[in-house]
N, C-alpha and C. Protein backbone atom coordinates (compact mmCIF):
# COMPACT_ATOMS: atom_id res chain seq x y z
N PRO A 1 5.07 -12.53 -37.01
CA PRO A 1 4.60 -12.84 -35.67
C PRO A 1 5.42 -12.12 -34.62
N TYR A 2 4.80 -11.93 -33.45
CA TYR A 2 5.50 -11.29 -32.35
C TYR A 2 6.13 -12.37 -31.50
N PHE A 3 7.36 -12.17 -31.09
CA PHE A 3 8.03 -13.20 -30.30
C PHE A 3 9.06 -12.57 -29.38
N TYR A 4 9.49 -13.38 -28.44
CA TYR A 4 10.50 -12.96 -27.49
C TYR A 4 11.84 -12.73 -28.18
N ASN A 5 12.49 -11.63 -27.85
CA ASN A 5 13.80 -11.29 -28.40
C ASN A 5 14.85 -11.63 -27.35
N PRO A 6 15.73 -12.61 -27.60
CA PRO A 6 16.68 -13.02 -26.57
C PRO A 6 17.62 -11.93 -26.09
N THR A 7 17.78 -10.86 -26.85
CA THR A 7 18.65 -9.78 -26.39
C THR A 7 18.01 -9.00 -25.24
N GLU A 8 16.72 -9.23 -24.98
CA GLU A 8 16.03 -8.51 -23.92
C GLU A 8 16.13 -9.22 -22.57
N ASN A 9 16.82 -10.35 -22.52
CA ASN A 9 17.05 -11.06 -21.25
C ASN A 9 15.76 -11.39 -20.51
N TRP A 10 14.74 -11.84 -21.22
CA TRP A 10 13.47 -12.29 -20.64
C TRP A 10 12.71 -11.19 -19.92
N VAL A 11 12.96 -9.94 -20.25
CA VAL A 11 12.21 -8.85 -19.68
C VAL A 11 11.30 -8.28 -20.77
N LEU A 12 10.00 -8.29 -20.52
CA LEU A 12 9.03 -7.78 -21.49
C LEU A 12 8.88 -6.29 -21.25
N LYS A 13 9.24 -5.50 -22.25
CA LYS A 13 9.21 -4.05 -22.12
C LYS A 13 8.31 -3.45 -23.19
N ARG A 14 7.75 -2.30 -22.88
CA ARG A 14 6.92 -1.61 -23.86
C ARG A 14 7.73 -1.28 -25.11
N SER A 15 9.04 -1.08 -24.94
CA SER A 15 9.90 -0.76 -26.07
C SER A 15 10.13 -1.95 -27.00
N ASN A 16 9.65 -3.17 -26.60
CA ASN A 16 9.76 -4.32 -27.50
C ASN A 16 9.00 -4.07 -28.80
N GLY A 17 8.03 -3.18 -28.72
CA GLY A 17 7.20 -2.90 -29.89
C GLY A 17 6.18 -4.00 -30.10
N GLY A 18 5.31 -3.80 -31.06
CA GLY A 18 4.31 -4.82 -31.36
C GLY A 18 3.25 -4.92 -30.27
N ASN A 19 2.55 -6.00 -30.28
CA ASN A 19 1.46 -6.23 -29.36
C ASN A 19 1.99 -7.03 -28.16
N LEU A 20 2.03 -6.41 -26.99
CA LEU A 20 2.62 -7.05 -25.81
C LEU A 20 1.91 -8.34 -25.44
N SER A 21 0.59 -8.38 -25.57
CA SER A 21 -0.12 -9.62 -25.22
C SER A 21 0.23 -10.74 -26.19
N SER A 22 0.46 -10.41 -27.45
CA SER A 22 0.87 -11.43 -28.42
C SER A 22 2.27 -11.95 -28.11
N ILE A 23 3.17 -11.03 -27.73
CA ILE A 23 4.53 -11.44 -27.36
C ILE A 23 4.47 -12.35 -26.13
N PHE A 24 3.65 -11.96 -25.15
CA PHE A 24 3.53 -12.75 -23.93
C PHE A 24 3.00 -14.15 -24.24
N ARG A 25 1.94 -14.22 -25.04
CA ARG A 25 1.34 -15.51 -25.39
C ARG A 25 2.34 -16.38 -26.16
N TYR A 26 3.03 -15.79 -27.14
CA TYR A 26 4.01 -16.55 -27.93
C TYR A 26 5.11 -17.09 -27.02
N THR A 27 5.57 -16.26 -26.07
CA THR A 27 6.62 -16.68 -25.16
C THR A 27 6.16 -17.87 -24.33
N LEU A 28 4.93 -17.80 -23.80
CA LEU A 28 4.40 -18.91 -23.01
C LEU A 28 4.31 -20.19 -23.83
N GLU A 29 3.82 -20.06 -25.04
CA GLU A 29 3.58 -21.25 -25.86
C GLU A 29 4.86 -21.86 -26.42
N ASN A 30 5.91 -21.07 -26.57
CA ASN A 30 7.09 -21.56 -27.27
C ASN A 30 8.39 -21.59 -26.47
N ASN A 31 8.42 -20.94 -25.32
CA ASN A 31 9.69 -20.85 -24.59
C ASN A 31 9.63 -21.34 -23.16
N VAL A 32 8.46 -21.37 -22.55
CA VAL A 32 8.37 -21.72 -21.14
C VAL A 32 8.32 -23.22 -21.00
N ALA A 33 9.32 -23.80 -20.35
CA ALA A 33 9.38 -25.26 -20.20
C ALA A 33 9.42 -25.69 -18.74
N THR A 34 9.47 -24.76 -17.81
CA THR A 34 9.57 -25.13 -16.40
C THR A 34 8.37 -25.96 -15.99
N GLY A 35 8.63 -27.12 -15.42
CA GLY A 35 7.55 -27.97 -14.94
C GLY A 35 6.87 -28.76 -16.04
N SER A 36 7.42 -28.79 -17.23
CA SER A 36 6.78 -29.52 -18.33
C SER A 36 7.42 -30.90 -18.48
N ALA A 37 7.15 -31.56 -19.58
CA ALA A 37 7.72 -32.87 -19.89
C ALA A 37 7.35 -33.91 -18.84
N ASN A 38 6.10 -33.84 -18.36
CA ASN A 38 5.54 -34.84 -17.46
C ASN A 38 6.24 -34.94 -16.11
N THR A 39 6.86 -33.90 -15.66
CA THR A 39 7.43 -33.92 -14.32
C THR A 39 6.30 -33.89 -13.30
N ASN A 40 6.52 -34.41 -12.11
CA ASN A 40 5.52 -34.29 -11.06
C ASN A 40 6.12 -33.60 -9.84
N ASP A 41 6.98 -32.63 -10.11
CA ASP A 41 7.59 -31.88 -9.02
C ASP A 41 7.67 -30.40 -9.38
N GLU A 42 6.51 -29.80 -9.61
CA GLU A 42 6.45 -28.38 -9.94
C GLU A 42 6.69 -27.55 -8.69
N ARG A 43 7.58 -26.59 -8.79
CA ARG A 43 7.94 -25.82 -7.60
C ARG A 43 8.08 -24.34 -7.93
N GLY A 44 6.99 -23.73 -8.37
CA GLY A 44 7.01 -22.32 -8.76
C GLY A 44 7.38 -21.38 -7.63
N ILE A 45 6.85 -21.63 -6.44
CA ILE A 45 7.14 -20.75 -5.31
C ILE A 45 8.61 -20.86 -4.91
N LYS A 46 9.14 -22.07 -4.91
CA LYS A 46 10.56 -22.27 -4.59
C LYS A 46 11.43 -21.52 -5.60
N ALA A 47 11.07 -21.59 -6.89
CA ALA A 47 11.86 -20.89 -7.91
C ALA A 47 11.87 -19.39 -7.66
N ALA A 48 10.70 -18.84 -7.29
CA ALA A 48 10.62 -17.40 -7.00
C ALA A 48 11.43 -17.06 -5.74
N TYR A 49 11.33 -17.92 -4.74
CA TYR A 49 12.06 -17.73 -3.48
C TYR A 49 13.56 -17.64 -3.74
N TRP A 50 14.10 -18.59 -4.51
CA TRP A 50 15.54 -18.60 -4.75
C TRP A 50 15.98 -17.54 -5.75
N SER A 51 15.07 -17.11 -6.59
CA SER A 51 15.38 -15.97 -7.46
C SER A 51 15.65 -14.74 -6.60
N LEU A 52 14.85 -14.57 -5.56
CA LEU A 52 15.07 -13.44 -4.64
C LEU A 52 16.31 -13.66 -3.78
N ALA A 53 16.51 -14.89 -3.33
CA ALA A 53 17.67 -15.17 -2.48
C ALA A 53 18.98 -14.83 -3.17
N TYR A 54 19.02 -15.03 -4.50
CA TYR A 54 20.23 -14.75 -5.27
C TYR A 54 20.15 -13.45 -6.06
N LYS A 55 19.29 -12.57 -5.67
CA LYS A 55 19.06 -11.35 -6.45
C LYS A 55 20.31 -10.48 -6.61
N ASP A 56 21.23 -10.57 -5.69
CA ASP A 56 22.43 -9.74 -5.76
C ASP A 56 23.41 -10.19 -6.84
N TYR A 57 23.16 -11.34 -7.45
CA TYR A 57 24.08 -11.87 -8.46
C TYR A 57 23.68 -11.49 -9.88
N TYR A 58 22.55 -10.84 -10.05
CA TYR A 58 22.14 -10.40 -11.38
C TYR A 58 21.25 -9.17 -11.23
N ASN A 59 20.97 -8.53 -12.32
CA ASN A 59 20.26 -7.25 -12.27
C ASN A 59 18.83 -7.42 -12.77
N CYS A 60 18.00 -8.03 -11.95
CA CYS A 60 16.62 -8.29 -12.38
C CYS A 60 15.60 -7.47 -11.60
N TYR A 61 15.88 -7.18 -10.36
CA TYR A 61 14.93 -6.45 -9.51
C TYR A 61 15.34 -4.99 -9.39
N ARG A 62 14.46 -4.10 -9.78
CA ARG A 62 14.75 -2.67 -9.74
C ARG A 62 14.36 -2.11 -8.37
N PRO A 63 15.25 -1.40 -7.71
CA PRO A 63 14.93 -0.83 -6.39
C PRO A 63 13.68 0.04 -6.44
N GLY A 64 12.78 -0.16 -5.50
CA GLY A 64 11.57 0.67 -5.41
C GLY A 64 10.43 0.23 -6.30
N ALA A 65 10.67 -0.74 -7.18
CA ALA A 65 9.62 -1.18 -8.11
C ALA A 65 8.68 -2.17 -7.42
N ALA A 66 7.45 -2.20 -7.89
CA ALA A 66 6.50 -3.21 -7.42
C ALA A 66 6.90 -4.56 -8.03
N LEU A 67 6.54 -5.64 -7.36
CA LEU A 67 6.82 -6.98 -7.84
C LEU A 67 5.51 -7.70 -8.10
N ALA A 68 5.32 -8.12 -9.34
CA ALA A 68 4.13 -8.89 -9.71
C ALA A 68 4.58 -10.19 -10.35
N GLN A 69 4.03 -11.29 -9.87
CA GLN A 69 4.37 -12.60 -10.41
C GLN A 69 3.10 -13.25 -10.94
N ILE A 70 3.26 -14.11 -11.95
CA ILE A 70 2.14 -14.89 -12.47
C ILE A 70 2.57 -16.36 -12.50
N TYR A 71 1.83 -17.18 -11.79
CA TYR A 71 2.08 -18.62 -11.76
C TYR A 71 1.03 -19.28 -12.64
N ILE A 72 1.47 -20.14 -13.55
CA ILE A 72 0.56 -20.86 -14.43
C ILE A 72 0.84 -22.35 -14.26
N SER A 73 -0.16 -23.10 -13.78
CA SER A 73 0.06 -24.52 -13.54
C SER A 73 -1.27 -25.28 -13.51
N ASP A 74 -1.22 -26.53 -14.00
CA ASP A 74 -2.38 -27.39 -13.88
C ASP A 74 -2.20 -28.38 -12.72
N GLU A 75 -1.25 -28.08 -11.84
CA GLU A 75 -1.03 -28.86 -10.63
C GLU A 75 -0.72 -27.92 -9.49
N ASP A 76 -0.64 -28.46 -8.29
CA ASP A 76 -0.29 -27.66 -7.14
C ASP A 76 1.22 -27.68 -6.95
N VAL A 77 1.71 -26.99 -5.94
CA VAL A 77 3.13 -27.03 -5.61
C VAL A 77 3.51 -28.47 -5.30
N ARG A 78 4.60 -28.96 -5.91
CA ARG A 78 5.04 -30.35 -5.78
C ARG A 78 3.90 -31.30 -6.14
N SER A 79 3.13 -30.92 -7.13
CA SER A 79 2.01 -31.67 -7.70
C SER A 79 0.78 -31.74 -6.80
N VAL A 80 0.94 -32.21 -5.57
CA VAL A 80 -0.24 -32.43 -4.72
C VAL A 80 -0.27 -31.50 -3.51
N GLY A 81 0.58 -30.49 -3.50
CA GLY A 81 0.55 -29.51 -2.43
C GLY A 81 0.88 -30.07 -1.06
N GLY A 82 1.68 -31.13 -1.03
CA GLY A 82 2.07 -31.70 0.25
C GLY A 82 1.00 -32.55 0.92
N ILE A 83 -0.06 -32.89 0.17
CA ILE A 83 -1.15 -33.71 0.72
C ILE A 83 -1.03 -35.11 0.13
N GLU A 84 -0.54 -36.04 0.91
CA GLU A 84 -0.28 -37.39 0.41
C GLU A 84 -1.55 -38.06 -0.11
N ALA A 85 -2.69 -37.79 0.51
CA ALA A 85 -3.95 -38.41 0.08
C ALA A 85 -4.37 -37.99 -1.33
N GLU A 86 -3.77 -36.91 -1.85
CA GLU A 86 -4.11 -36.41 -3.18
C GLU A 86 -3.32 -37.10 -4.29
N LYS A 87 -2.32 -37.89 -3.94
CA LYS A 87 -1.46 -38.46 -4.98
C LYS A 87 -2.24 -39.44 -5.85
N TYR A 88 -1.88 -39.46 -7.13
CA TYR A 88 -2.47 -40.36 -8.11
C TYR A 88 -1.42 -41.38 -8.56
N TYR A 89 -0.22 -40.89 -8.80
CA TYR A 89 0.90 -41.76 -9.17
C TYR A 89 1.67 -42.14 -7.90
N ALA A 90 2.29 -43.30 -7.90
CA ALA A 90 2.98 -43.80 -6.71
C ALA A 90 4.05 -42.85 -6.19
N ASP A 91 4.77 -42.18 -7.10
CA ASP A 91 5.87 -41.31 -6.69
C ASP A 91 5.48 -39.84 -6.66
N GLU A 92 4.19 -39.56 -6.68
CA GLU A 92 3.75 -38.17 -6.84
C GLU A 92 3.86 -37.34 -5.56
N TYR A 93 3.72 -37.96 -4.40
CA TYR A 93 3.78 -37.19 -3.16
C TYR A 93 5.22 -36.87 -2.78
N LYS A 94 5.45 -35.59 -2.52
CA LYS A 94 6.72 -35.13 -1.98
C LYS A 94 6.38 -34.06 -0.94
N PRO A 95 6.97 -34.12 0.24
CA PRO A 95 6.64 -33.14 1.27
C PRO A 95 7.09 -31.74 0.87
N LEU A 96 6.34 -30.75 1.33
CA LEU A 96 6.73 -29.36 1.08
C LEU A 96 7.90 -28.99 1.97
N GLU A 97 8.79 -28.18 1.43
CA GLU A 97 9.87 -27.61 2.21
C GLU A 97 9.50 -26.16 2.51
N ASN A 98 10.22 -25.55 3.42
CA ASN A 98 9.90 -24.18 3.81
C ASN A 98 9.83 -23.24 2.61
N ASP A 99 10.78 -23.38 1.66
CA ASP A 99 10.81 -22.45 0.53
C ASP A 99 9.76 -22.76 -0.53
N ASP A 100 8.87 -23.73 -0.27
CA ASP A 100 7.71 -23.99 -1.13
C ASP A 100 6.47 -23.27 -0.61
N THR A 101 6.56 -22.59 0.52
CA THR A 101 5.36 -22.05 1.17
C THR A 101 5.15 -20.57 0.86
N PRO A 102 3.89 -20.16 0.78
CA PRO A 102 3.59 -18.74 0.54
C PRO A 102 4.21 -17.82 1.58
N SER A 103 4.13 -18.19 2.86
CA SER A 103 4.65 -17.30 3.90
C SER A 103 6.16 -17.10 3.78
N ALA A 104 6.88 -18.16 3.40
CA ALA A 104 8.33 -18.02 3.23
C ALA A 104 8.66 -17.08 2.08
N LEU A 105 7.89 -17.16 0.99
CA LEU A 105 8.13 -16.27 -0.15
C LEU A 105 7.84 -14.82 0.23
N VAL A 106 6.74 -14.59 0.93
CA VAL A 106 6.41 -13.22 1.36
C VAL A 106 7.51 -12.67 2.26
N ASP A 107 7.99 -13.49 3.18
CA ASP A 107 9.09 -13.06 4.06
C ASP A 107 10.36 -12.76 3.27
N LYS A 108 10.64 -13.57 2.24
CA LYS A 108 11.85 -13.36 1.42
C LYS A 108 11.74 -12.07 0.61
N VAL A 109 10.55 -11.76 0.11
CA VAL A 109 10.34 -10.50 -0.60
C VAL A 109 10.65 -9.33 0.32
N LYS A 110 10.13 -9.37 1.53
CA LYS A 110 10.37 -8.29 2.49
C LYS A 110 11.84 -8.18 2.85
N GLU A 111 12.49 -9.34 3.05
CA GLU A 111 13.90 -9.35 3.42
C GLU A 111 14.78 -8.77 2.31
N LYS A 112 14.53 -9.18 1.08
CA LYS A 112 15.42 -8.82 -0.02
C LYS A 112 15.04 -7.53 -0.73
N LEU A 113 13.76 -7.18 -0.74
CA LEU A 113 13.32 -6.00 -1.49
C LEU A 113 12.80 -4.89 -0.59
N GLY A 114 12.63 -5.17 0.69
CA GLY A 114 12.14 -4.16 1.62
C GLY A 114 10.71 -4.42 2.05
N ALA A 115 10.41 -4.07 3.29
CA ALA A 115 9.09 -4.34 3.87
C ALA A 115 7.97 -3.58 3.15
N ASP A 116 8.31 -2.49 2.48
CA ASP A 116 7.28 -1.68 1.82
C ASP A 116 7.07 -2.05 0.36
N THR A 117 7.75 -3.07 -0.13
CA THR A 117 7.62 -3.46 -1.54
C THR A 117 6.19 -3.93 -1.82
N ARG A 118 5.61 -3.39 -2.87
CA ARG A 118 4.28 -3.82 -3.29
C ARG A 118 4.44 -5.14 -4.04
N PHE A 119 3.87 -6.20 -3.50
CA PHE A 119 4.04 -7.55 -4.04
C PHE A 119 2.68 -8.19 -4.27
N ARG A 120 2.45 -8.63 -5.50
CA ARG A 120 1.22 -9.34 -5.86
C ARG A 120 1.59 -10.60 -6.61
N ALA A 121 1.18 -11.74 -6.10
CA ALA A 121 1.37 -13.02 -6.80
C ALA A 121 0.02 -13.43 -7.39
N ASN A 122 -0.03 -13.54 -8.69
CA ASN A 122 -1.25 -13.91 -9.40
C ASN A 122 -1.11 -15.34 -9.90
N SER A 123 -2.20 -16.05 -10.00
CA SER A 123 -2.11 -17.44 -10.44
C SER A 123 -3.19 -17.78 -11.45
N ILE A 124 -2.80 -18.58 -12.43
CA ILE A 124 -3.73 -19.15 -13.41
C ILE A 124 -3.63 -20.66 -13.18
N ILE A 125 -4.65 -21.22 -12.57
CA ILE A 125 -4.60 -22.57 -12.03
C ILE A 125 -5.93 -23.30 -12.26
N ILE A 126 -5.97 -24.55 -11.81
CA ILE A 126 -7.26 -25.22 -11.66
C ILE A 126 -7.77 -24.76 -10.30
N LYS A 127 -8.79 -23.94 -10.31
CA LYS A 127 -9.28 -23.40 -9.05
C LYS A 127 -9.83 -24.52 -8.17
N PRO A 128 -9.54 -24.46 -6.87
CA PRO A 128 -10.08 -25.49 -5.97
C PRO A 128 -11.59 -25.65 -6.14
N ASN A 129 -12.02 -26.90 -6.22
CA ASN A 129 -13.41 -27.30 -6.38
C ASN A 129 -13.98 -27.10 -7.79
N ASP A 130 -13.16 -26.69 -8.75
CA ASP A 130 -13.62 -26.60 -10.13
C ASP A 130 -13.42 -27.97 -10.79
N SER A 131 -14.35 -28.88 -10.52
CA SER A 131 -14.20 -30.27 -10.98
C SER A 131 -14.28 -30.37 -12.50
N THR A 132 -14.98 -29.46 -13.16
CA THR A 132 -15.06 -29.48 -14.62
C THR A 132 -13.69 -29.19 -15.23
N CYS A 133 -13.02 -28.19 -14.72
CA CYS A 133 -11.68 -27.85 -15.22
C CYS A 133 -10.70 -28.98 -14.90
N LEU A 134 -10.80 -29.55 -13.71
CA LEU A 134 -9.92 -30.66 -13.34
C LEU A 134 -10.08 -31.82 -14.32
N ALA A 135 -11.32 -32.17 -14.63
CA ALA A 135 -11.58 -33.27 -15.56
C ALA A 135 -11.05 -32.94 -16.94
N ASN A 136 -11.19 -31.68 -17.36
CA ASN A 136 -10.69 -31.25 -18.66
C ASN A 136 -9.18 -31.42 -18.74
N GLN A 137 -8.48 -31.01 -17.69
CA GLN A 137 -7.02 -31.14 -17.67
C GLN A 137 -6.60 -32.60 -17.59
N ASP A 138 -7.34 -33.40 -16.81
CA ASP A 138 -7.03 -34.84 -16.71
C ASP A 138 -7.15 -35.52 -18.07
N SER A 139 -8.09 -35.07 -18.87
CA SER A 139 -8.34 -35.71 -20.17
C SER A 139 -7.20 -35.51 -21.16
N GLN A 140 -6.24 -34.64 -20.82
CA GLN A 140 -5.12 -34.38 -21.72
C GLN A 140 -3.99 -35.38 -21.56
N GLY A 141 -4.16 -36.36 -20.66
CA GLY A 141 -3.19 -37.45 -20.63
C GLY A 141 -2.47 -37.67 -19.32
N THR A 142 -2.35 -36.65 -18.47
CA THR A 142 -1.71 -36.85 -17.17
C THR A 142 -2.60 -36.25 -16.10
N LYS A 143 -2.44 -36.73 -14.88
CA LYS A 143 -3.29 -36.29 -13.78
C LYS A 143 -2.96 -34.86 -13.38
N ALA A 144 -3.99 -34.06 -13.27
CA ALA A 144 -3.86 -32.67 -12.83
C ALA A 144 -4.35 -32.56 -11.38
N HIS A 145 -4.11 -31.41 -10.77
CA HIS A 145 -4.53 -31.20 -9.38
C HIS A 145 -4.94 -29.74 -9.18
N TYR A 146 -5.81 -29.52 -8.20
CA TYR A 146 -6.20 -28.16 -7.84
C TYR A 146 -4.98 -27.37 -7.36
N GLY A 147 -4.94 -26.08 -7.68
CA GLY A 147 -3.80 -25.23 -7.29
C GLY A 147 -4.04 -24.52 -5.98
N ARG A 148 -4.23 -25.27 -4.92
CA ARG A 148 -4.59 -24.69 -3.62
C ARG A 148 -3.51 -23.77 -3.05
N ILE A 149 -2.26 -24.19 -3.11
CA ILE A 149 -1.21 -23.36 -2.51
C ILE A 149 -0.96 -22.11 -3.34
N TYR A 150 -1.03 -22.24 -4.67
CA TYR A 150 -0.90 -21.04 -5.51
C TYR A 150 -2.04 -20.07 -5.23
N GLU A 151 -3.25 -20.60 -5.03
CA GLU A 151 -4.38 -19.74 -4.68
C GLU A 151 -4.13 -19.05 -3.34
N ASP A 152 -3.62 -19.80 -2.34
CA ASP A 152 -3.31 -19.21 -1.04
C ASP A 152 -2.31 -18.06 -1.18
N LEU A 153 -1.27 -18.28 -1.99
CA LEU A 153 -0.27 -17.23 -2.21
C LEU A 153 -0.92 -15.99 -2.82
N SER A 154 -1.77 -16.20 -3.81
CA SER A 154 -2.45 -15.07 -4.44
C SER A 154 -3.31 -14.32 -3.43
N LYS A 155 -4.02 -15.05 -2.59
CA LYS A 155 -4.89 -14.41 -1.62
C LYS A 155 -4.11 -13.61 -0.59
N ILE A 156 -3.02 -14.16 -0.06
CA ILE A 156 -2.32 -13.42 1.00
C ILE A 156 -1.54 -12.23 0.47
N THR A 157 -1.29 -12.19 -0.85
CA THR A 157 -0.60 -11.03 -1.42
C THR A 157 -1.57 -10.07 -2.12
N GLY A 158 -2.86 -10.40 -2.09
CA GLY A 158 -3.84 -9.55 -2.75
C GLY A 158 -3.83 -9.69 -4.26
N GLY A 159 -3.27 -10.79 -4.76
CA GLY A 159 -3.22 -11.02 -6.20
C GLY A 159 -4.51 -11.62 -6.73
N GLY A 160 -4.57 -11.82 -8.03
CA GLY A 160 -5.74 -12.38 -8.67
C GLY A 160 -5.57 -13.86 -8.95
N VAL A 161 -6.70 -14.55 -9.12
CA VAL A 161 -6.69 -15.97 -9.44
C VAL A 161 -7.55 -16.19 -10.68
N GLY A 162 -6.94 -16.78 -11.72
CA GLY A 162 -7.66 -17.09 -12.95
C GLY A 162 -7.66 -18.59 -13.19
N SER A 163 -8.48 -19.03 -14.12
CA SER A 163 -8.59 -20.45 -14.43
C SER A 163 -7.72 -20.82 -15.62
N ILE A 164 -6.98 -21.93 -15.48
CA ILE A 164 -6.15 -22.42 -16.58
C ILE A 164 -7.03 -22.95 -17.72
N CYS A 165 -8.29 -23.19 -17.45
CA CYS A 165 -9.20 -23.70 -18.47
C CYS A 165 -9.80 -22.61 -19.34
N ASP A 166 -9.53 -21.35 -19.03
CA ASP A 166 -10.02 -20.26 -19.88
C ASP A 166 -9.41 -20.38 -21.27
N ALA A 167 -10.22 -20.13 -22.28
CA ALA A 167 -9.74 -20.22 -23.66
C ALA A 167 -8.74 -19.12 -23.98
N ASP A 168 -8.87 -17.98 -23.31
CA ASP A 168 -8.02 -16.83 -23.58
C ASP A 168 -7.63 -16.22 -22.24
N TYR A 169 -6.33 -16.06 -22.01
CA TYR A 169 -5.86 -15.52 -20.74
C TYR A 169 -5.88 -13.99 -20.69
N SER A 170 -6.29 -13.34 -21.76
CA SER A 170 -6.20 -11.88 -21.78
C SER A 170 -7.06 -11.25 -20.69
N SER A 171 -8.23 -11.83 -20.40
CA SER A 171 -9.07 -11.25 -19.35
C SER A 171 -8.40 -11.41 -17.99
N ASN A 172 -7.73 -12.56 -17.77
CA ASN A 172 -6.98 -12.74 -16.53
C ASN A 172 -5.87 -11.70 -16.42
N LEU A 173 -5.12 -11.51 -17.50
CA LEU A 173 -4.00 -10.57 -17.48
C LEU A 173 -4.48 -9.14 -17.24
N ASN A 174 -5.62 -8.78 -17.85
CA ASN A 174 -6.18 -7.44 -17.61
C ASN A 174 -6.60 -7.28 -16.16
N PHE A 175 -7.20 -8.36 -15.59
CA PHE A 175 -7.61 -8.31 -14.19
C PHE A 175 -6.39 -8.17 -13.29
N PHE A 176 -5.32 -8.93 -13.58
CA PHE A 176 -4.10 -8.83 -12.78
C PHE A 176 -3.55 -7.41 -12.84
N ASN A 177 -3.60 -6.80 -14.02
CA ASN A 177 -3.13 -5.43 -14.17
C ASN A 177 -3.92 -4.48 -13.28
N GLU A 178 -5.25 -4.67 -13.23
CA GLU A 178 -6.09 -3.82 -12.39
C GLU A 178 -5.77 -4.03 -10.91
N VAL A 179 -5.57 -5.30 -10.52
CA VAL A 179 -5.23 -5.61 -9.13
C VAL A 179 -3.94 -4.91 -8.73
N ILE A 180 -2.94 -4.97 -9.61
CA ILE A 180 -1.65 -4.34 -9.31
C ILE A 180 -1.81 -2.84 -9.21
N ASN A 181 -2.50 -2.24 -10.17
CA ASN A 181 -2.68 -0.79 -10.15
C ASN A 181 -3.49 -0.33 -8.94
N ASP A 182 -4.52 -1.11 -8.58
CA ASP A 182 -5.35 -0.75 -7.43
C ASP A 182 -4.59 -0.84 -6.12
N SER A 183 -3.49 -1.58 -6.11
CA SER A 183 -2.72 -1.75 -4.87
C SER A 183 -1.84 -0.54 -4.57
N LEU A 184 -1.71 0.35 -5.51
CA LEU A 184 -0.81 1.49 -5.31
C LEU A 184 -1.49 2.54 -4.44
N ASP A 185 -0.96 2.78 -3.25
CA ASP A 185 -1.55 3.82 -2.41
C ASP A 185 -1.03 5.19 -2.80
N SER A 186 0.06 5.23 -3.53
CA SER A 186 0.57 6.49 -4.06
C SER A 186 1.43 6.18 -5.26
N MET A 187 1.59 7.17 -6.11
CA MET A 187 2.40 6.98 -7.30
C MET A 187 3.17 8.26 -7.57
N PRO A 188 4.50 8.20 -7.55
CA PRO A 188 5.28 9.41 -7.83
C PRO A 188 5.13 9.82 -9.29
N LEU A 189 4.94 11.11 -9.51
CA LEU A 189 4.80 11.63 -10.86
C LEU A 189 6.14 12.19 -11.33
N GLU A 190 6.39 12.08 -12.63
CA GLU A 190 7.66 12.55 -13.17
C GLU A 190 7.71 14.08 -13.26
N CYS A 191 6.54 14.71 -13.31
CA CYS A 191 6.50 16.17 -13.38
C CYS A 191 5.17 16.63 -12.80
N ASN A 192 5.02 17.93 -12.62
CA ASN A 192 3.76 18.47 -12.12
C ASN A 192 2.66 18.28 -13.15
N PRO A 193 1.46 17.86 -12.71
CA PRO A 193 0.36 17.67 -13.67
C PRO A 193 -0.12 19.01 -14.24
N VAL A 194 -0.63 18.96 -15.46
CA VAL A 194 -1.14 20.15 -16.12
C VAL A 194 -2.30 20.71 -15.31
N SER A 195 -2.30 21.98 -15.03
CA SER A 195 -3.35 22.67 -14.27
C SER A 195 -3.55 22.06 -12.87
N SER A 196 -2.50 21.43 -12.36
CA SER A 196 -2.57 20.78 -11.04
C SER A 196 -3.70 19.77 -10.92
N ASN A 197 -4.10 19.20 -12.05
CA ASN A 197 -5.18 18.22 -12.07
C ASN A 197 -4.58 16.81 -12.04
N ILE A 198 -4.79 16.12 -10.93
CA ILE A 198 -4.22 14.78 -10.81
C ILE A 198 -5.27 13.70 -11.01
N ALA A 199 -6.46 14.05 -11.46
CA ALA A 199 -7.51 13.05 -11.68
C ALA A 199 -7.09 12.09 -12.76
């Protein structure tokens, strides 16, 4: 089987060998625990915000590189997206803080990586108003919520939005790849193209 190699420091590279989509899927199914274990305080945007805030303490962001993020959740930010009327459990509502908001994350990307950084936030969520998917997720034992704020983040960064209820995420990942590639207004080449053909 294909799996994450801890010596790679959580960076998925083509040099990992094997099938990258299989490695990605295995990693999601076996290693990703953020927001699991029945917590009702999922904070994906805050995690990304503080990852950027502390970027100088580790070597994760390459200068000049595009930044693409994928958020996967069956709830909104802080479970109910800061909307008290959406709470199902008594302790489920928690107000949003500045670093939970899409605009704060976009500003942090510009501050830490430069105003010209190509940034796309993609999300695999319960799409707002998809009541069938919401009911499907609810049937798994805990209350789920529409991913409105994750969708907002994806929209303002030009990212893609997929459904967490899809049986296979490969179509979402391929779409995200196209979105990221389509966002490039120019691409530096390592050498001159053969016959000056850049098609």
